PDB file of N, CA and C in Angstrom:
ATOM      1  N   MET A   1      89.806 104.290  84.941  1.00  0.00           N
ATOM      2  CA  MET A   1      89.325 103.478  83.932  1.00  0.00           C
ATOM      3  C   MET A   1      88.190 103.357  84.773  1.00  0.00           C
ATOM      4  N   SER A   2      87.026 103.292  83.433  1.00  0.00           N
ATOM      5  CA  SER A   2      85.623 102.460  83.925  1.00  0.00           C
ATOM      6  C   SER A   2      84.991 101.516  83.579  1.00  0.00           C
ATOM      7  N   THR A   3      84.400 101.063  83.812  1.00  0.00           N
ATOM      8  CA  THR A   3      83.595 100.130  83.330  1.00  0.00           C
ATOM      9  C   THR A   3      81.961 100.092  83.755  1.00  0.00           C
ATOM     10  N   ARG A   4      80.636 100.110  82.630  1.00  0.00           N
ATOM     11  CA  ARG A   4      79.114  99.901  82.899  1.00  0.00           C
ATOM     12  C   ARG A   4      78.353  99.351  81.882  1.00  0.00           C
ATOM     13  N   LEU A   5      77.940  98.557  82.490  1.00  0.00           N
ATOM     14  CA  LEU A   5      77.291  97.349  82.220  1.00  0.00           C
ATOM     15  C   LEU A   5      75.684  97.633  82.725  1.00  0.00           C
ATOM     16  N   ASP A   6      74.789  98.158  81.344  1.00  0.00           N
ATOM     17  CA  ASP A   6      73.443  98.420  82.281  1.00  0.00           C
ATOM     18  C   ASP A   6      72.464  97.429  80.988  1.00  0.00           C
ATOM     19  N   GLU A   7      71.394  96.480  81.611  1.00  0.00           N
ATOM     20  CA  GLU A   7      70.680  95.462  80.481  1.00  0.00           C
ATOM     21  C   GLU A   7      68.814  95.611  80.960  1.00  0.00           C
ATOM     22  N   THR A   8      68.077  96.229  80.166  1.00  0.00           N
ATOM     23  CA  THR A   8      67.265  96.422  80.486  1.00  0.00           C
ATOM     24  C   THR A   8      66.160  95.868  79.576  1.00  0.00           C
ATOM     25  N   ALA A   9      66.470  95.435  78.183  1.00  0.00           N
ATOM     26  CA  ALA A   9      65.858  94.479  77.708  1.00  0.00           C
ATOM     27  C   ALA A   9      65.090  93.540  77.680  1.00  0.00           C
ATOM     28  N   SER A  10      65.735  92.703  78.548  1.00  0.00           N
ATOM     29  CA  SER A  10      65.369  91.970  79.072  1.00  0.00           C
ATOM     30  C   SER A  10      65.128  91.194  80.989  1.00  0.00           C
ATOM     31  N   GLY A  11      64.950  92.374  81.065  1.00  0.00           N
ATOM     32  CA  GLY A  11      64.850  92.714  82.675  1.00  0.00           C
ATOM     33  C   GLY A  11      66.240  93.571  83.353  1.00  0.00           C
ATOM     34  N   VAL A  12      66.686  93.870  84.263  1.00  0.00           N
ATOM     35  CA  VAL A  12      67.217  94.473  84.774  1.00  0.00           C
ATOM     36  C   VAL A  12      68.686  94.305  85.286  1.00  0.00           C
ATOM     37  N   THR A  13      69.991  94.344  85.006  1.00  0.00           N
ATOM     38  CA  THR A  13      71.353  94.252  85.622  1.00  0.00           C
ATOM     39  C   THR A  13      71.634  94.849  85.599  1.00  0.00           C
ATOM     40  N   VAL A  14      72.769  95.575  86.360  1.00  0.00           N
ATOM     41  CA  VAL A  14      73.371  96.788  86.648  1.00  0.00           C
ATOM     42  C   VAL A  14      74.936  96.483  87.226  1.00  0.00           C
ATOM     43  N   TRP A  15      76.148  96.143  86.250  1.00  0.00           N
ATOM     44  CA  TRP A  15      76.984  96.382  86.776  1.00  0.00           C
ATOM     45  C   TRP A  15      78.156  97.440  86.765  1.00  0.00           C
ATOM     46  N   SER A  16      78.711  98.666  87.509  1.00  0.00           N
ATOM     47  CA  SER A  16      79.514  99.036  87.332  1.00  0.00           C
ATOM     48  C   SER A  16      80.442  99.062  88.143  1.00  0.00           C
ATOM     49  N   ASN A  17      81.742  99.539  87.446  1.00  0.00           N
ATOM     50  CA  ASN A  17      83.012  99.638  88.450  1.00  0.00           C
ATOM     51  C   ASN A  17      84.030 100.619  87.808  1.00  0.00           C
ATOM     52  N   SER A  18      85.282 100.318  89.145  1.00  0.00           N
ATOM     53  CA  SER A  18      86.133 101.336  88.736  1.00  0.00           C
ATOM     54  C   SER A  18      87.809 101.087  89.390  1.00  0.00           C
ATOM     55  N   SER A  19      88.787 101.647  88.359  1.00  0.00           N
ATOM     56  CA  SER A  19      89.994 101.114  88.936  1.00  0.00           C
ATOM     57  C   SER A  19      91.129 102.139  88.725  1.00  0.00           C
ATOM     58  N   TRP A  20      92.046 102.486  89.998  1.00  0.00           N
ATOM     59  CA  TRP A  20      92.879 102.891  89.573  1.00  0.00           C
ATOM     60  C   TRP A  20      94.632 102.186  90.322  1.00  0.00           C
ATOM     61  N   GLY A  21      95.630 102.835  89.711  1.00  0.00           N
ATOM     62  CA  GLY A  21      96.552 102.103  90.517  1.00  0.00           C
ATOM     63  C   GLY A  21      97.619 103.326  90.070  1.00  0.00           C
ATOM     64  N   THR A  22      99.014 102.726  90.877  1.00  0.00           N
ATOM     65  CA  THR A  22     100.128 104.265  90.691  1.00  0.00           C
ATOM     66  C   THR A  22     101.124 103.197  90.433  1.00  0.00           C
ATOM     67  N   TRP A  23     101.691 102.996  89.170  1.00  0.00           N
ATOM     68  CA  TRP A  23     102.628 102.757  88.890  1.00  0.00           C
ATOM     69  C   TRP A  23     104.580 103.846  88.351  1.00  0.00           C
ATOM     70  N   THR A  24     105.302 103.590  88.763  1.00  0.00           N
ATOM     71  CA  THR A  24     106.438 104.585  88.390  1.00  0.00           C
ATOM     72  C   THR A  24     107.023 104.504  86.704  1.00  0.00           C
ATOM     73  N   VAL A  25     106.959 104.923  86.585  1.00  0.00           N
ATOM     74  CA  VAL A  25     107.835 105.363  85.037  1.00  0.00           C
ATOM     75  C   VAL A  25     108.733 106.073  84.834  1.00  0.00           C
ATOM     76  N   GLY A  26     109.091 106.924  85.638  1.00  0.00           N
ATOM     77  CA  GLY A  26     110.340 107.998  85.696  1.00  0.00           C
ATOM     78  C   GLY A  26     110.924 108.665  87.133  1.00  0.00           C
ATOM     79  N   GLY A  27     111.777 109.323  87.271  1.00  0.00           N
ATOM     80  CA  GLY A  27     112.277 109.324  88.534  1.00  0.00           C
ATOM     81  C   GLY A  27     113.248 110.608  88.120  1.00  0.00           C
ATOM     82  N   VAL A  28     113.524 111.899  89.491  1.00  0.00           N
ATOM     83  CA  VAL A  28     114.238 112.699  89.218  1.00  0.00           C
ATOM     84  C   VAL A  28     114.843 112.688  91.015  1.00  0.00           C
ATOM     85  N   SER A  29     115.926 113.292  89.983  1.00  0.00           N
ATOM     86  CA  SER A  29     117.281 112.744  91.354  1.00  0.00           C
ATOM     87  C   SER A  29     117.876 114.578  91.536  1.00  0.00           C
ATOM     88  N   PHE A  30     118.826 114.867  92.450  1.00  0.00           N
ATOM     89  CA  PHE A  30     119.765 115.551  92.779  1.00  0.00           C
ATOM     90  C   PHE A  30     120.815 115.090  93.395  1.00  0.00           C
ATOM     91  N   ASP A  31     122.482 115.478  92.815  1.00  0.00           N
ATOM     92  CA  ASP A  31     123.423 114.956  93.570  1.00  0.00           C
ATOM     93  C   ASP A  31     123.869 115.973  94.868  1.00  0.00           C
ATOM     94  N   SER A  32     124.722 115.527  95.175  1.00  0.00           N
ATOM     95  CA  SER A  32     124.815 117.025  96.135  1.00  0.00           C
ATOM     96  C   SER A  32     125.588 117.753  95.700  1.00  0.00           C
ATOM     97  N   LYS A  33     126.245 118.173  94.583  1.00  0.00           N
ATOM     98  CA  LYS A  33     126.511 119.571  93.827  1.00  0.00           C
ATOM     99  C   LYS A  33     125.615 119.965  93.358  1.00  0.00           C
ATOM    100  N   GLY A  34     123.985 119.584  93.374  1.00  0.00           N
ATOM    101  CA  GLY A  34     122.523 120.419  92.930  1.00  0.00           C
ATOM    102  C   GLY A  34     122.543 120.056  91.327  1.00  0.00           C
ATOM    103  N   ARG A  35     123.088 119.238  91.224  1.00  0.00           N
ATOM    104  CA  ARG A  35     122.728 118.964  90.080  1.00  0.00           C
ATOM    105  C   ARG A  35     121.703 118.110  89.527  1.00  0.00           C
ATOM    106  N   VAL A  36     121.033 118.246  88.910  1.00  0.00           N
ATOM    107  CA  VAL A  36     119.630 117.282  88.554  1.00  0.00           C
ATOM    108  C   VAL A  36     120.372 116.457  87.088  1.00  0.00           C
ATOM    109  N   SER A  37     119.086 115.190  87.549  1.00  0.00           N
ATOM    110  CA  SER A  37     118.708 114.199  86.439  1.00  0.00           C
ATOM    111  C   SER A  37     117.587 113.789  86.183  1.00  0.00           C
ATOM    112  N   ALA A  38     117.424 112.980  85.362  1.00  0.00           N
ATOM    113  CA  ALA A  38     115.949 112.686  85.340  1.00  0.00           C
ATOM    114  C   ALA A  38     115.770 111.587  84.523  1.00  0.00           C
ATOM    115  N   GLY A  39     115.113 111.042  84.574  1.00  0.00           N
ATOM    116  CA  GLY A  39     114.746 109.163  83.414  1.00  0.00           C
ATOM    117  C   GLY A  39     112.806 109.083  83.718  1.00  0.00           C
ATOM    118  N   TYR A  40     112.741 108.309  81.726  1.00  0.00           N
ATOM    119  CA  TYR A  40     111.098 108.373  82.000  1.00  0.00           C
ATOM    120  C   TYR A  40     111.580 107.232  80.823  1.00  0.00           C
ATOM    121  N   ALA A  41     111.133 105.774  81.416  1.00  0.00           N
ATOM    122  CA  ALA A  41     110.683 105.066  80.662  1.00  0.00           C
ATOM    123  C   ALA A  41     109.174 104.326  80.482  1.00  0.00           C
ATOM    124  N   TYR A  42     108.924 104.298  79.490  1.00  0.00           N
ATOM    125  CA  TYR A  42     107.605 103.549  79.261  1.00  0.00           C
ATOM    126  C   TYR A  42     107.574 102.579  78.532  1.00  0.00           C
ATOM    127  N   PRO A  43     108.398 101.850  78.754  1.00  0.00           N
ATOM    128  CA  PRO A  43     108.297 100.520  77.216  1.00  0.00           C
ATOM    129  C   PRO A  43     106.734  99.811  77.217  1.00  0.00           C
ATOM    130  N   MET A  44     106.982  98.963  76.551  1.00  0.00           N
ATOM    131  CA  MET A  44     105.422  98.019  75.970  1.00  0.00           C
ATOM    132  C   MET A  44     105.266  97.362  77.451  1.00  0.00           C
ATOM    133  N   GLU A  45     106.294  96.666  77.875  1.00  0.00           N
ATOM    134  CA  GLU A  45     106.052  95.449  78.240  1.00  0.00           C
ATOM    135  C   GLU A  45     105.357  96.535  79.698  1.00  0.00           C
ATOM    136  N   LYS A  46     105.760  97.755  80.380  1.00  0.00           N
ATOM    137  CA  LYS A  46     105.390  98.715  81.135  1.00  0.00           C
ATOM    138  C   LYS A  46     103.851  98.461  81.078  1.00  0.00           C
ATOM    139  N   GLN A  47     103.486  99.494  79.628  1.00  0.00           N
ATOM    140  CA  GLN A  47     102.324  99.100  79.218  1.00  0.00           C
ATOM    141  C   GLN A  47     101.327  97.984  79.311  1.00  0.00           C
ATOM    142  N   ARG A  48     101.906  97.000  78.936  1.00  0.00           N
ATOM    143  CA  ARG A  48     100.490  95.702  79.115  1.00  0.00           C
ATOM    144  C   ARG A  48     100.891  95.730  80.920  1.00  0.00           C
ATOM    145  N   GLU A  49     101.802  96.078  81.674  1.00  0.00           N
ATOM    146  CA  GLU A  49     101.682  95.747  82.911  1.00  0.00           C
ATOM    147  C   GLU A  49     100.372  96.496  83.476  1.00  0.00           C
ATOM    148  N   ILE A  50     100.154  97.637  83.302  1.00  0.00           N
ATOM    149  CA  ILE A  50      99.547  98.463  83.533  1.00  0.00           C
ATOM    150  C   ILE A  50      97.505  97.956  83.368  1.00  0.00           C
ATOM    151  N   LEU A  51      98.014  97.895  81.888  1.00  0.00           N
ATOM    152  CA  LEU A  51      96.587  97.967  81.373  1.00  0.00           C
ATOM    153  C   LEU A  51      96.253  96.655  82.083  1.00  0.00           C
ATOM    154  N   THR A  52      96.487  95.528  81.902  1.00  0.00           N
ATOM    155  CA  THR A  52      96.349  93.867  82.666  1.00  0.00           C
ATOM    156  C   THR A  52      96.319  93.894  83.918  1.00  0.00           C
ATOM    157  N   ALA A  53      96.441  94.945  85.401  1.00  0.00           N
ATOM    158  CA  ALA A  53      96.163  95.315  86.028  1.00  0.00           C
ATOM    159  C   ALA A  53      95.033  95.796  86.519  1.00  0.00           C
ATOM    160  N   LEU A  54      94.627  96.769  85.216  1.00  0.00           N
ATOM    161  CA  LEU A  54      93.387  97.738  85.652  1.00  0.00           C
ATOM    162  C   LEU A  54      92.601  96.558  85.144  1.00  0.00           C
ATOM    163  N   VAL A  55      92.706  95.974  83.762  1.00  0.00           N
ATOM    164  CA  VAL A  55      91.142  95.616  83.638  1.00  0.00           C
ATOM    165  C   VAL A  55      90.798  93.774  84.550  1.00  0.00           C
ATOM    166  N   THR A  56      92.001  93.156  84.794  1.00  0.00           N
ATOM    167  CA  THR A  56      91.988  92.383  85.728  1.00  0.00           C
ATOM    168  C   THR A  56      90.817  92.894  87.055  1.00  0.00           C
ATOM    169  N   ALA A  57      91.544  93.905  87.569  1.00  0.00           N
ATOM    170  CA  ALA A  57      90.781  94.598  88.560  1.00  0.00           C
ATOM    171  C   ALA A  57      89.207  94.895  88.411  1.00  0.00           C
ATOM    172  N   LEU A  58      88.727  95.824  87.016  1.00  0.00           N
ATOM    173  CA  LEU A  58      88.113  95.926  86.744  1.00  0.00           C
ATOM    174  C   LEU A  58      86.771  94.741  86.374  1.00  0.00           C
ATOM    175  N   ASN A  59      87.211  93.605  86.420  1.00  0.00           N
ATOM    176  CA  ASN A  59      86.637  92.910  85.730  1.00  0.00           C
ATOM    177  C   ASN A  59      86.741  91.700  87.147  1.00  0.00           C
ATOM    178  N   GLY A  60      87.121  91.619  87.672  1.00  0.00           N
ATOM    179  CA  GLY A  60      87.527  91.204  88.939  1.00  0.00           C
ATOM    180  C   GLY A  60      85.998  90.450  89.483  1.00  0.00           C
ATOM    181  N   ASP A  61      84.900  90.862  89.313  1.00  0.00           N
ATOM    182  CA  ASP A  61      83.769  90.210  89.864  1.00  0.00           C
ATOM    183  C   ASP A  61      82.968  88.855  88.638  1.00  0.00           C
ATOM    184  N   PHE A  62      83.194  89.465  87.393  1.00  0.00           N
ATOM    185  CA  PHE A  62      83.003  88.019  87.068  1.00  0.00           C
ATOM    186  C   PHE A  62      84.698  87.149  86.817  1.00  0.00           C
ATOM    187  N   ARG A  63      85.271  86.803  88.076  1.00  0.00           N
ATOM    188  CA  ARG A  63      86.576  85.663  87.570  1.00  0.00           C
ATOM    189  C   ARG A  63      85.744  84.499  89.338  1.00  0.00           C
ATOM    190  N   PRO A  64      86.155  83.695  88.623  1.00  0.00           N
ATOM    191  CA  PRO A  64      85.874  82.574  89.774  1.00  0.00           C
ATOM    192  C   PRO A  64      86.472  82.574  91.083  1.00  0.00           C
ATOM    193  N   THR A  65      85.440  82.714  92.424  1.00  0.00           N
ATOM    194  CA  THR A  65      86.522  83.174  93.397  1.00  0.00           C
ATOM    195  C   THR A  65      85.621  81.885  94.177  1.00  0.00           C
ATOM    196  N   TYR A  66      86.237  81.891  95.111  1.00  0.00           N
ATOM    197  CA  TYR A  66      86.252  80.655  96.499  1.00  0.00           C
ATOM    198  C   TYR A  66      86.005  81.570  97.648  1.00  0.00           C
ATOM    199  N   GLU A  67      84.799  81.150  98.793  1.00  0.00           N
ATOM    200  CA  GLU A  67      84.745  81.489 100.276  1.00  0.00           C
ATOM    201  C   GLU A  67      84.695  80.642 100.883  1.00  0.00           C
ATOM    202  N   LYS A  68      84.980  81.055 102.372  1.00  0.00           N
ATOM    203  CA  LYS A  68      85.230  79.548 103.137  1.00  0.00           C
ATOM    204  C   LYS A  68      83.757  80.015 104.337  1.00  0.00           C
ATOM    205  N   HIS A  69      83.312  79.315 104.881  1.00  0.00           N
ATOM    206  CA  HIS A  69      82.407  80.437 105.676  1.00  0.00           C
ATOM    207  C   HIS A  69      82.229  78.783 106.896  1.00  0.00           C
ATOM    208  N   LYS A  70      81.732  79.017 107.990  1.00  0.00           N
ATOM    209  CA  LYS A  70      82.031  78.104 108.851  1.00  0.00           C
ATOM    210  C   LYS A  70      80.754  77.996 109.476  1.00  0.00           C
ATOM    211  N   MET A  71      80.486  76.830 109.411  1.00  0.00           N
ATOM    212  CA  MET A  71      78.567  76.134 109.689  1.00  0.00           C
ATOM    213  C   MET A  71      78.346  76.249 110.472  1.00  0.00           C
ATOM    214  N   LYS A  72      77.520  76.985 111.397  1.00  0.00           N
ATOM    215  CA  LYS A  72      77.134  76.540 112.366  1.00  0.00           C
ATOM    216  C   LYS A  72      76.702  75.208 112.548  1.00  0.00           C
ATOM    217  N   GLU A  73      77.067  74.577 113.862  1.00  0.00           N
ATOM    218  CA  GLU A  73      76.220  73.430 114.335  1.00  0.00           C
ATOM    219  C   GLU A  73      75.105  73.553 115.021  1.00  0.00           C
TER     220      GLU A  73
END
C-alpha cells in the first residue's frame, strides 16, 4: 500500500510513504503417513486487522508523537 501527497498551488509540500506487512491467513501440514491437509481462513476481522495496520503505518507521520531530548547544561 502506498500513499503520496503533493501540494503545489500554495507552496511545496511533498509527503510519500509506503507500508507492508505479513499476516498468516492459511497453512499446510503433512502427517507421518504423507497425507496433506490445508486450511485457509480470511474472515472480515482479519481483513480489518490488516487494513488498520497498513493505514496506521502509512499515516504515522500525522499522528501526535513525543520525543525526549537531554538538554545540554
